[in-house]
Each structure stands twice: as structure tokens, then as C-alpha cells.
């Protein structure tokens, strides 16, 4: 009974999963499958986090560069405005570059937000399925336990019948 409680606690904690052998214990193959599935999930989770951080770092790096470029361009604009008309062409070129960079920045921000939403949705779906799996395993353990009790009861009845025949 204590082993069953420990097994149920571990399953609810998400540390083990898999099918049960007939006597209610996890087989080594099932434990290995559970460990493999868990390690695969953890690896995928780490990979997702790593990619998420990479995207955030890229966006932050570009934001930093854009801010720095914007500051530099503002200084350049002020210097150009203080000069005579021959510099208007360069000012126009710089402004166009700022507009281009701003246009490139917007989709990057949207992509980052979209990826974050997709990640959250995938994580939520995973957690729901995992919860369902734990519930199914718990139900399976209950059914196996009930089956064992009924079989033991039937065996005892048959044993008594055999003894009364003697």
C-alpha cells in the first residue's frame, strides 16, 4: 500500500509515467521509457527556452543598435541642419535609412510576440495532456487494484470450496 502511495505521488509530480505490469509495479522498460520521455521533454523545453532567449537577445541587440543609431542620426541631423544646403541630400539619405530600420524593427517585435504566444499555448496544451495522463494512470492503478482484490477473493472462495470437498 505504501509503495502504491509513493508511486501515485511520483506520478502526480510528473516524475514517472508508463503502463503498469499486472502486479501494479512499473516494469524496468516502462521506467526507462518514462525517464526517456521526461528527458526528451526537458531537452525540448530547454531548446525552446534557448531559442526564445536567442530571439530576445537578437531583438534587444537590434533595439540597442537602433537606439544608438537614432542618437547618432539625431546628432548628425543637428550638425547637417547647421550646415548649408549642400548637405540636405545626406540628411534625406539618413532619414530614409532611419525609416528603413524602423520598418525592419516592427516585424521583428511582432515575430517575437508571436513566438512567445505559441510557446505559451504549446506549454499549456502539454500541461493539460500531462494532467490527463496522470489521471488515466491513477484510474488504471485503481482498476488493477480492484481486479487483484476480486481475483484474490475468488481464489479464496475456490480454496474454501476445495477444502469443503475433502
N, C-alpha and C. Protein backbone atom coordinates (compact mmCIF):
# COMPACT_ATOMS: atom_id res chain seq x y z
N UNK A 1 0.83 -1.19 0.00
CA UNK A 1 0.00 0.00 0.00
C UNK A 1 0.87 1.26 0.00
N UNK A 2 1.95 1.24 0.79
CA UNK A 2 2.85 2.39 0.85
C UNK A 2 3.54 2.58 -0.51
N UNK A 3 3.92 1.48 -1.16
CA UNK A 3 4.54 1.59 -2.48
C UNK A 3 3.57 2.23 -3.48
N UNK A 4 2.32 1.86 -3.37
CA UNK A 4 1.31 2.41 -4.25
C UNK A 4 1.16 3.92 -4.03
N UNK A 5 1.20 4.35 -2.77
CA UNK A 5 1.10 5.78 -2.46
C UNK A 5 2.32 6.52 -2.98
N UNK A 6 3.49 5.93 -2.83
CA UNK A 6 4.70 6.57 -3.34
C UNK A 6 4.64 6.67 -4.86
N UNK A 7 4.18 5.61 -5.52
CA UNK A 7 4.07 5.59 -6.96
C UNK A 7 3.10 6.67 -7.42
N UNK A 8 1.97 6.78 -6.75
CA UNK A 8 0.96 7.78 -7.11
C UNK A 8 1.53 9.19 -6.90
N UNK A 9 2.24 9.41 -5.82
CA UNK A 9 2.85 10.71 -5.54
C UNK A 9 3.85 11.06 -6.64
N UNK A 10 4.68 10.09 -7.04
CA UNK A 10 5.66 10.34 -8.09
C UNK A 10 4.97 10.64 -9.42
N UNK A 11 3.91 9.93 -9.72
CA UNK A 11 3.21 10.16 -10.97
C UNK A 11 2.58 11.54 -10.97
N UNK A 12 1.99 11.96 -9.87
CA UNK A 12 1.37 13.28 -9.80
C UNK A 12 2.43 14.36 -9.91
N UNK A 13 3.59 14.11 -9.44
CA UNK A 13 4.68 15.07 -9.53
C UNK A 13 5.26 15.08 -10.94
N UNK A 14 4.83 14.16 -11.80
CA UNK A 14 5.30 14.12 -13.17
C UNK A 14 6.66 13.47 -13.32
N UNK A 15 7.10 12.75 -12.33
CA UNK A 15 8.44 12.18 -12.38
C UNK A 15 8.46 10.82 -13.06
N UNK A 16 7.34 10.08 -13.06
CA UNK A 16 7.32 8.81 -13.75
C UNK A 16 6.00 8.67 -14.48
N UNK A 17 5.99 7.84 -15.50
CA UNK A 17 4.78 7.53 -16.21
C UNK A 17 4.97 6.17 -16.85
N UNK A 18 3.96 5.71 -17.57
CA UNK A 18 4.09 4.43 -18.25
C UNK A 18 3.00 3.49 -17.82
N UNK A 19 2.96 2.36 -18.45
CA UNK A 19 1.92 1.39 -18.12
C UNK A 19 2.36 0.54 -16.96
N UNK A 20 1.41 -0.10 -16.33
CA UNK A 20 1.69 -0.92 -15.16
C UNK A 20 1.71 -2.38 -15.57
N UNK A 21 2.56 -3.16 -14.97
CA UNK A 21 2.51 -4.60 -15.20
C UNK A 21 1.35 -5.14 -14.39
N UNK A 22 1.09 -6.42 -14.50
CA UNK A 22 -0.12 -6.98 -13.90
C UNK A 22 -0.14 -6.86 -12.38
N UNK A 23 1.03 -6.85 -11.76
CA UNK A 23 1.03 -6.78 -10.29
C UNK A 23 1.02 -5.34 -9.76
N UNK A 24 0.93 -4.34 -10.64
CA UNK A 24 0.80 -2.96 -10.19
C UNK A 24 2.12 -2.22 -10.11
N UNK A 25 3.22 -2.85 -10.38
CA UNK A 25 4.52 -2.18 -10.34
C UNK A 25 4.95 -1.80 -11.74
N UNK A 26 5.74 -0.72 -11.84
CA UNK A 26 6.27 -0.33 -13.14
C UNK A 26 7.38 -1.29 -13.55
N UNK A 27 7.37 -1.69 -14.82
CA UNK A 27 8.45 -2.53 -15.29
C UNK A 27 9.65 -1.65 -15.58
N UNK A 28 10.82 -2.28 -15.67
CA UNK A 28 12.03 -1.51 -15.94
C UNK A 28 11.94 -0.82 -17.31
N UNK A 29 11.34 -1.51 -18.26
CA UNK A 29 11.18 -0.92 -19.58
C UNK A 29 10.30 0.32 -19.51
N UNK A 30 9.23 0.25 -18.73
CA UNK A 30 8.34 1.40 -18.58
C UNK A 30 9.05 2.52 -17.86
N UNK A 31 9.84 2.20 -16.86
CA UNK A 31 10.59 3.24 -16.16
C UNK A 31 11.57 3.92 -17.10
N UNK A 32 12.24 3.10 -17.93
CA UNK A 32 13.19 3.66 -18.87
C UNK A 32 12.47 4.53 -19.90
N UNK A 33 11.30 4.06 -20.35
CA UNK A 33 10.53 4.86 -21.29
C UNK A 33 10.11 6.18 -20.65
N UNK A 34 9.69 6.10 -19.40
CA UNK A 34 9.27 7.30 -18.69
C UNK A 34 10.43 8.27 -18.53
N UNK A 35 11.57 7.72 -18.13
CA UNK A 35 12.75 8.58 -17.97
C UNK A 35 13.15 9.18 -19.31
N UNK A 36 13.09 8.36 -20.36
CA UNK A 36 13.43 8.85 -21.69
C UNK A 36 12.48 9.94 -22.14
N UNK A 37 11.19 9.72 -21.92
CA UNK A 37 10.20 10.73 -22.30
C UNK A 37 10.41 12.01 -21.51
N UNK A 38 10.69 11.86 -20.24
CA UNK A 38 10.91 13.04 -19.39
C UNK A 38 12.16 13.79 -19.84
N UNK A 39 13.23 13.05 -20.13
CA UNK A 39 14.46 13.72 -20.56
C UNK A 39 14.27 14.37 -21.93
N UNK A 40 13.50 13.72 -22.80
CA UNK A 40 13.21 14.30 -24.10
C UNK A 40 12.42 15.59 -23.93
N UNK A 41 11.42 15.54 -23.05
CA UNK A 41 10.62 16.74 -22.79
C UNK A 41 11.50 17.85 -22.24
N UNK A 42 12.36 17.50 -21.28
CA UNK A 42 13.24 18.52 -20.69
C UNK A 42 14.17 19.10 -21.75
N UNK A 43 14.69 18.25 -22.64
CA UNK A 43 15.59 18.72 -23.69
C UNK A 43 14.84 19.67 -24.63
N UNK A 44 13.62 19.29 -24.99
CA UNK A 44 12.82 20.15 -25.87
C UNK A 44 12.52 21.47 -25.17
N UNK A 45 12.17 21.39 -23.91
CA UNK A 45 11.86 22.58 -23.12
C UNK A 45 13.08 23.50 -23.08
N UNK A 46 14.27 22.91 -22.85
CA UNK A 46 15.50 23.70 -22.81
C UNK A 46 15.78 24.31 -24.19
N UNK A 47 15.54 23.55 -25.23
CA UNK A 47 15.76 24.04 -26.58
C UNK A 47 14.83 25.21 -26.88
N UNK A 48 13.57 25.09 -26.49
CA UNK A 48 12.61 26.17 -26.69
C UNK A 48 13.06 27.41 -25.93
N UNK A 49 13.46 27.22 -24.67
CA UNK A 49 13.92 28.35 -23.86
C UNK A 49 15.16 28.99 -24.49
N UNK A 50 16.06 28.15 -24.99
CA UNK A 50 17.28 28.66 -25.60
C UNK A 50 16.95 29.49 -26.83
N UNK A 51 16.07 28.96 -27.67
CA UNK A 51 15.68 29.70 -28.88
C UNK A 51 14.96 30.99 -28.52
N UNK A 52 14.11 30.91 -27.51
CA UNK A 52 13.38 32.09 -27.06
C UNK A 52 14.37 33.16 -26.60
N UNK A 53 15.36 32.75 -25.81
CA UNK A 53 16.37 33.70 -25.34
C UNK A 53 17.18 34.26 -26.49
N UNK A 54 17.51 33.41 -27.48
CA UNK A 54 18.26 33.88 -28.63
C UNK A 54 17.48 34.95 -29.38
N UNK A 55 16.19 34.71 -29.59
CA UNK A 55 15.36 35.69 -30.30
C UNK A 55 15.29 36.98 -29.50
N UNK A 56 15.08 36.84 -28.18
CA UNK A 56 15.03 38.05 -27.34
C UNK A 56 16.35 38.81 -27.39
N UNK A 57 17.47 38.08 -27.33
CA UNK A 57 18.77 38.73 -27.37
C UNK A 57 18.98 39.45 -28.70
N UNK A 58 18.57 38.79 -29.79
CA UNK A 58 18.72 39.42 -31.11
C UNK A 58 17.88 40.69 -31.18
N UNK A 59 16.65 40.60 -30.71
CA UNK A 59 15.77 41.77 -30.73
C UNK A 59 16.37 42.88 -29.87
N UNK A 60 16.82 42.52 -28.66
CA UNK A 60 17.41 43.53 -27.76
C UNK A 60 18.66 44.14 -28.39
N UNK A 61 19.47 43.29 -29.02
CA UNK A 61 20.69 43.81 -29.65
C UNK A 61 20.33 44.78 -30.76
N UNK A 62 19.33 44.39 -31.57
CA UNK A 62 18.92 45.30 -32.64
C UNK A 62 18.30 46.58 -32.08
N UNK A 63 17.51 46.44 -31.02
CA UNK A 63 16.92 47.63 -30.40
C UNK A 63 18.03 48.55 -29.90
N UNK A 64 19.03 47.97 -29.26
CA UNK A 64 20.16 48.77 -28.77
C UNK A 64 20.88 49.46 -29.90
N UNK A 65 21.13 48.71 -30.98
CA UNK A 65 21.80 49.31 -32.13
C UNK A 65 20.94 50.41 -32.75
N UNK A 66 19.65 50.16 -32.83
CA UNK A 66 18.75 51.15 -33.42
C UNK A 66 18.71 52.41 -32.57
N UNK A 67 18.64 52.23 -31.26
CA UNK A 67 18.64 53.40 -30.38
C UNK A 67 19.94 54.19 -30.53
N UNK A 68 21.04 53.46 -30.58
CA UNK A 68 22.33 54.12 -30.75
C UNK A 68 22.39 54.84 -32.10
N UNK A 69 21.90 54.14 -33.13
CA UNK A 69 21.87 54.75 -34.46
C UNK A 69 20.96 55.98 -34.47
N UNK A 70 19.84 55.89 -33.79
CA UNK A 70 18.91 57.02 -33.73
C UNK A 70 19.57 58.22 -33.06
N UNK A 71 20.28 57.96 -31.96
CA UNK A 71 21.00 59.05 -31.28
C UNK A 71 22.05 59.67 -32.21
N UNK A 72 22.81 58.77 -32.84
CA UNK A 72 23.86 59.26 -33.75
C UNK A 72 23.25 60.04 -34.91
N UNK A 73 22.14 59.52 -35.42
CA UNK A 73 21.50 60.21 -36.54
C UNK A 73 20.92 61.56 -36.12
N UNK A 74 20.41 61.63 -34.91
CA UNK A 74 19.89 62.92 -34.41
C UNK A 74 21.03 63.94 -34.32
N UNK A 75 22.17 63.49 -33.84
CA UNK A 75 23.34 64.38 -33.77
C UNK A 75 23.75 64.81 -35.17
N UNK A 76 23.78 63.83 -36.07
CA UNK A 76 24.16 64.14 -37.45
C UNK A 76 23.17 65.12 -38.07
N UNK A 77 21.87 64.89 -37.80
CA UNK A 77 20.84 65.78 -38.33
C UNK A 77 21.06 67.21 -37.84
N UNK A 78 21.34 67.35 -36.55
CA UNK A 78 21.58 68.68 -36.00
C UNK A 78 22.79 69.33 -36.66
N UNK A 79 23.84 68.56 -36.84
CA UNK A 79 25.04 69.09 -37.49
C UNK A 79 24.74 69.47 -38.95
N UNK A 80 23.97 68.64 -39.61
CA UNK A 80 23.63 68.92 -41.00
C UNK A 80 22.75 70.17 -41.14
N UNK A 81 21.80 70.29 -40.20
CA UNK A 81 20.93 71.46 -40.24
C UNK A 81 21.72 72.75 -40.02
N UNK A 82 22.79 72.64 -39.26
CA UNK A 82 23.60 73.84 -39.02
C UNK A 82 24.48 74.17 -40.23
N UNK A 83 24.62 73.23 -41.14
CA UNK A 83 25.41 73.47 -42.35
C UNK A 83 24.52 74.06 -43.45
N UNK A 84 25.13 74.30 -44.53
CA UNK A 84 24.40 74.89 -45.66
C UNK A 84 23.62 73.83 -46.44
N UNK A 85 22.90 74.24 -47.44
CA UNK A 85 22.02 73.41 -48.24
C UNK A 85 22.68 72.21 -48.92
N UNK A 86 23.93 72.21 -49.27
CA UNK A 86 24.50 71.05 -49.97
C UNK A 86 24.37 69.74 -49.15
N UNK A 87 24.12 69.84 -47.87
CA UNK A 87 24.04 68.64 -47.03
C UNK A 87 22.62 68.07 -46.96
N UNK A 88 21.65 68.74 -47.56
CA UNK A 88 20.28 68.25 -47.49
C UNK A 88 20.15 66.84 -48.06
N UNK A 89 20.89 66.56 -49.08
CA UNK A 89 20.83 65.23 -49.71
C UNK A 89 21.25 64.15 -48.71
N UNK A 90 22.31 64.39 -47.98
CA UNK A 90 22.77 63.41 -46.99
C UNK A 90 21.77 63.26 -45.85
N UNK A 91 21.18 64.39 -45.43
CA UNK A 91 20.16 64.34 -44.38
C UNK A 91 18.99 63.49 -44.85
N UNK A 92 18.59 63.67 -46.06
CA UNK A 92 17.49 62.90 -46.63
C UNK A 92 17.84 61.41 -46.66
N UNK A 93 19.07 61.12 -47.03
CA UNK A 93 19.52 59.73 -47.06
C UNK A 93 19.49 59.11 -45.67
N UNK A 94 19.95 59.85 -44.69
CA UNK A 94 19.96 59.35 -43.31
C UNK A 94 18.54 59.13 -42.82
N UNK A 95 17.66 60.05 -43.11
CA UNK A 95 16.26 59.90 -42.69
C UNK A 95 15.63 58.66 -43.34
N UNK A 96 15.94 58.44 -44.59
CA UNK A 96 15.43 57.25 -45.27
C UNK A 96 15.95 55.97 -44.60
N UNK A 97 17.20 56.01 -44.21
CA UNK A 97 17.78 54.84 -43.52
C UNK A 97 17.07 54.60 -42.19
N UNK A 98 16.77 55.67 -41.47
CA UNK A 98 16.04 55.56 -40.20
C UNK A 98 14.68 54.92 -40.45
N UNK A 99 13.99 55.38 -41.47
CA UNK A 99 12.68 54.82 -41.81
C UNK A 99 12.79 53.33 -42.15
N UNK A 100 13.80 52.96 -42.90
CA UNK A 100 14.01 51.55 -43.27
C UNK A 100 14.25 50.71 -42.02
N UNK A 101 15.10 51.20 -41.13
CA UNK A 101 15.40 50.46 -39.90
C UNK A 101 14.14 50.32 -39.04
N UNK A 102 13.35 51.39 -38.95
CA UNK A 102 12.10 51.32 -38.20
C UNK A 102 11.14 50.29 -38.79
N UNK A 103 11.06 50.24 -40.11
CA UNK A 103 10.20 49.26 -40.77
C UNK A 103 10.69 47.83 -40.51
N UNK A 104 11.99 47.63 -40.43
CA UNK A 104 12.54 46.30 -40.14
C UNK A 104 12.33 45.91 -38.68
N UNK A 105 12.32 46.88 -37.82
CA UNK A 105 12.16 46.62 -36.39
C UNK A 105 10.76 46.13 -36.04
N UNK A 106 9.74 46.70 -36.65
CA UNK A 106 8.36 46.35 -36.32
C UNK A 106 8.07 44.85 -36.52
N UNK A 107 8.39 44.26 -37.67
CA UNK A 107 8.10 42.82 -37.83
C UNK A 107 8.90 41.95 -36.85
N UNK A 108 10.08 42.39 -36.50
CA UNK A 108 10.87 41.61 -35.53
C UNK A 108 10.17 41.57 -34.18
N UNK A 109 9.64 42.69 -33.75
CA UNK A 109 8.89 42.73 -32.49
C UNK A 109 7.65 41.86 -32.56
N UNK A 110 6.95 41.91 -33.67
CA UNK A 110 5.74 41.10 -33.85
C UNK A 110 6.10 39.62 -33.85
N UNK A 111 7.18 39.26 -34.51
CA UNK A 111 7.62 37.86 -34.55
C UNK A 111 7.94 37.37 -33.15
N UNK A 112 8.61 38.18 -32.38
CA UNK A 112 8.96 37.81 -31.01
C UNK A 112 7.70 37.58 -30.19
N UNK A 113 6.73 38.46 -30.30
CA UNK A 113 5.48 38.30 -29.55
C UNK A 113 4.73 37.07 -30.01
N UNK A 114 4.71 36.81 -31.29
CA UNK A 114 4.02 35.63 -31.83
C UNK A 114 4.67 34.35 -31.29
N UNK A 115 5.99 34.29 -31.29
CA UNK A 115 6.70 33.11 -30.80
C UNK A 115 6.42 32.89 -29.32
N UNK A 116 6.35 33.97 -28.56
CA UNK A 116 6.04 33.83 -27.14
C UNK A 116 4.63 33.28 -26.94
N UNK A 117 3.67 33.77 -27.72
CA UNK A 117 2.30 33.25 -27.63
C UNK A 117 2.26 31.76 -28.00
N UNK A 118 2.94 31.39 -29.08
CA UNK A 118 2.96 29.98 -29.50
C UNK A 118 3.57 29.11 -28.41
N UNK A 119 4.63 29.58 -27.80
CA UNK A 119 5.27 28.83 -26.73
C UNK A 119 4.31 28.62 -25.57
N UNK A 120 3.62 29.68 -25.16
CA UNK A 120 2.69 29.58 -24.04
C UNK A 120 1.55 28.61 -24.37
N UNK A 121 1.04 28.68 -25.59
CA UNK A 121 -0.04 27.78 -25.99
C UNK A 121 0.44 26.33 -25.99
N UNK A 122 1.62 26.09 -26.52
CA UNK A 122 2.17 24.73 -26.56
C UNK A 122 2.39 24.21 -25.14
N UNK A 123 2.89 25.05 -24.27
CA UNK A 123 3.13 24.64 -22.89
C UNK A 123 1.82 24.32 -22.19
N UNK A 124 0.81 25.13 -22.42
CA UNK A 124 -0.50 24.89 -21.80
C UNK A 124 -1.09 23.57 -22.30
N UNK A 125 -1.00 23.32 -23.60
CA UNK A 125 -1.51 22.06 -24.17
C UNK A 125 -0.76 20.87 -23.58
N UNK A 126 0.55 21.00 -23.45
CA UNK A 126 1.34 19.92 -22.87
C UNK A 126 0.90 19.64 -21.44
N UNK A 127 0.74 20.69 -20.65
CA UNK A 127 0.36 20.51 -19.25
C UNK A 127 -1.01 19.86 -19.12
N UNK A 128 -1.94 20.22 -20.00
CA UNK A 128 -3.26 19.59 -19.96
C UNK A 128 -3.17 18.10 -20.28
N UNK A 129 -2.41 17.76 -21.31
CA UNK A 129 -2.26 16.34 -21.67
C UNK A 129 -1.55 15.57 -20.56
N UNK A 130 -0.58 16.19 -19.95
CA UNK A 130 0.14 15.52 -18.86
C UNK A 130 -0.80 15.26 -17.69
N UNK A 131 -1.64 16.24 -17.38
CA UNK A 131 -2.62 16.08 -16.30
C UNK A 131 -3.58 14.94 -16.64
N UNK A 132 -4.03 14.89 -17.87
CA UNK A 132 -4.92 13.82 -18.30
C UNK A 132 -4.23 12.46 -18.17
N UNK A 133 -2.98 12.38 -18.53
CA UNK A 133 -2.21 11.14 -18.44
C UNK A 133 -2.12 10.68 -17.00
N UNK A 134 -1.82 11.61 -16.09
CA UNK A 134 -1.73 11.26 -14.67
C UNK A 134 -3.07 10.73 -14.17
N UNK A 135 -4.16 11.36 -14.59
CA UNK A 135 -5.48 10.89 -14.18
C UNK A 135 -5.76 9.49 -14.71
N UNK A 136 -5.37 9.24 -15.96
CA UNK A 136 -5.59 7.92 -16.55
C UNK A 136 -4.75 6.86 -15.85
N UNK A 137 -3.53 7.19 -15.51
CA UNK A 137 -2.66 6.23 -14.81
C UNK A 137 -3.23 5.94 -13.43
N UNK A 138 -3.72 6.98 -12.77
CA UNK A 138 -4.33 6.79 -11.45
C UNK A 138 -5.54 5.85 -11.57
N UNK A 139 -6.37 6.09 -12.58
CA UNK A 139 -7.53 5.22 -12.80
C UNK A 139 -7.09 3.80 -13.10
N UNK A 140 -6.05 3.64 -13.90
CA UNK A 140 -5.53 2.31 -14.21
C UNK A 140 -5.07 1.60 -12.95
N UNK A 141 -4.39 2.33 -12.08
CA UNK A 141 -3.93 1.73 -10.83
C UNK A 141 -5.12 1.28 -9.98
N UNK A 142 -6.17 2.10 -9.97
CA UNK A 142 -7.36 1.72 -9.21
C UNK A 142 -7.98 0.45 -9.78
N UNK A 143 -8.09 0.40 -11.11
CA UNK A 143 -8.68 -0.77 -11.75
C UNK A 143 -7.85 -2.03 -11.51
N UNK A 144 -6.54 -1.91 -11.59
CA UNK A 144 -5.66 -3.06 -11.34
C UNK A 144 -5.82 -3.51 -9.89
N UNK A 145 -5.87 -2.54 -8.98
CA UNK A 145 -6.04 -2.88 -7.56
C UNK A 145 -7.36 -3.59 -7.32
N UNK A 146 -8.43 -3.07 -7.91
CA UNK A 146 -9.74 -3.71 -7.76
C UNK A 146 -9.73 -5.11 -8.36
N UNK A 147 -9.09 -5.24 -9.51
CA UNK A 147 -9.02 -6.54 -10.17
C UNK A 147 -8.28 -7.55 -9.29
N UNK A 148 -7.19 -7.12 -8.71
CA UNK A 148 -6.42 -8.02 -7.83
C UNK A 148 -7.24 -8.43 -6.61
N UNK A 149 -7.97 -7.48 -6.04
CA UNK A 149 -8.80 -7.80 -4.88
C UNK A 149 -9.87 -8.82 -5.25
N UNK A 150 -10.53 -8.59 -6.40
CA UNK A 150 -11.59 -9.51 -6.81
C UNK A 150 -11.02 -10.90 -7.11
N UNK A 151 -9.86 -10.95 -7.73
CA UNK A 151 -9.24 -12.25 -8.03
C UNK A 151 -8.85 -12.98 -6.74
N UNK A 152 -8.30 -12.22 -5.78
CA UNK A 152 -7.92 -12.84 -4.51
C UNK A 152 -9.16 -13.37 -3.78
N UNK A 153 -10.23 -12.60 -3.84
CA UNK A 153 -11.47 -13.02 -3.19
C UNK A 153 -11.98 -14.30 -3.86
N UNK A 154 -11.95 -14.33 -5.17
CA UNK A 154 -12.41 -15.51 -5.91
C UNK A 154 -11.53 -16.71 -5.60
N UNK A 155 -10.21 -16.48 -5.53
CA UNK A 155 -9.29 -17.58 -5.19
C UNK A 155 -9.58 -18.13 -3.80
N UNK A 156 -9.85 -17.24 -2.86
CA UNK A 156 -10.17 -17.68 -1.50
C UNK A 156 -11.45 -18.50 -1.49
N UNK A 157 -12.44 -18.06 -2.26
CA UNK A 157 -13.69 -18.82 -2.34
C UNK A 157 -13.46 -20.19 -2.95
N UNK A 158 -12.67 -20.24 -4.01
CA UNK A 158 -12.37 -21.52 -4.64
C UNK A 158 -11.58 -22.43 -3.69
N UNK A 159 -10.68 -21.83 -2.95
CA UNK A 159 -9.89 -22.60 -1.99
C UNK A 159 -10.78 -23.19 -0.91
N UNK A 160 -11.73 -22.41 -0.44
CA UNK A 160 -12.67 -22.90 0.58
C UNK A 160 -13.54 -24.01 0.00
N UNK A 161 -13.93 -23.84 -1.26
CA UNK A 161 -14.76 -24.88 -1.92
C UNK A 161 -13.98 -26.18 -2.04
N UNK A 162 -12.69 -26.07 -2.37
CA UNK A 162 -11.86 -27.27 -2.49
C UNK A 162 -11.71 -27.93 -1.13
N UNK A 163 -11.53 -27.14 -0.08
CA UNK A 163 -11.36 -27.71 1.27
C UNK A 163 -12.64 -28.37 1.77
N UNK A 164 -13.78 -27.80 1.41
CA UNK A 164 -15.05 -28.42 1.85
C UNK A 164 -15.32 -29.73 1.12
N UNK A 165 -14.75 -29.88 -0.07
CA UNK A 165 -14.93 -31.13 -0.83
C UNK A 165 -14.18 -32.27 -0.16
N UNK A 166 -13.10 -32.03 0.48
CA UNK A 166 -12.28 -33.06 1.11
C UNK A 166 -12.96 -33.75 2.21
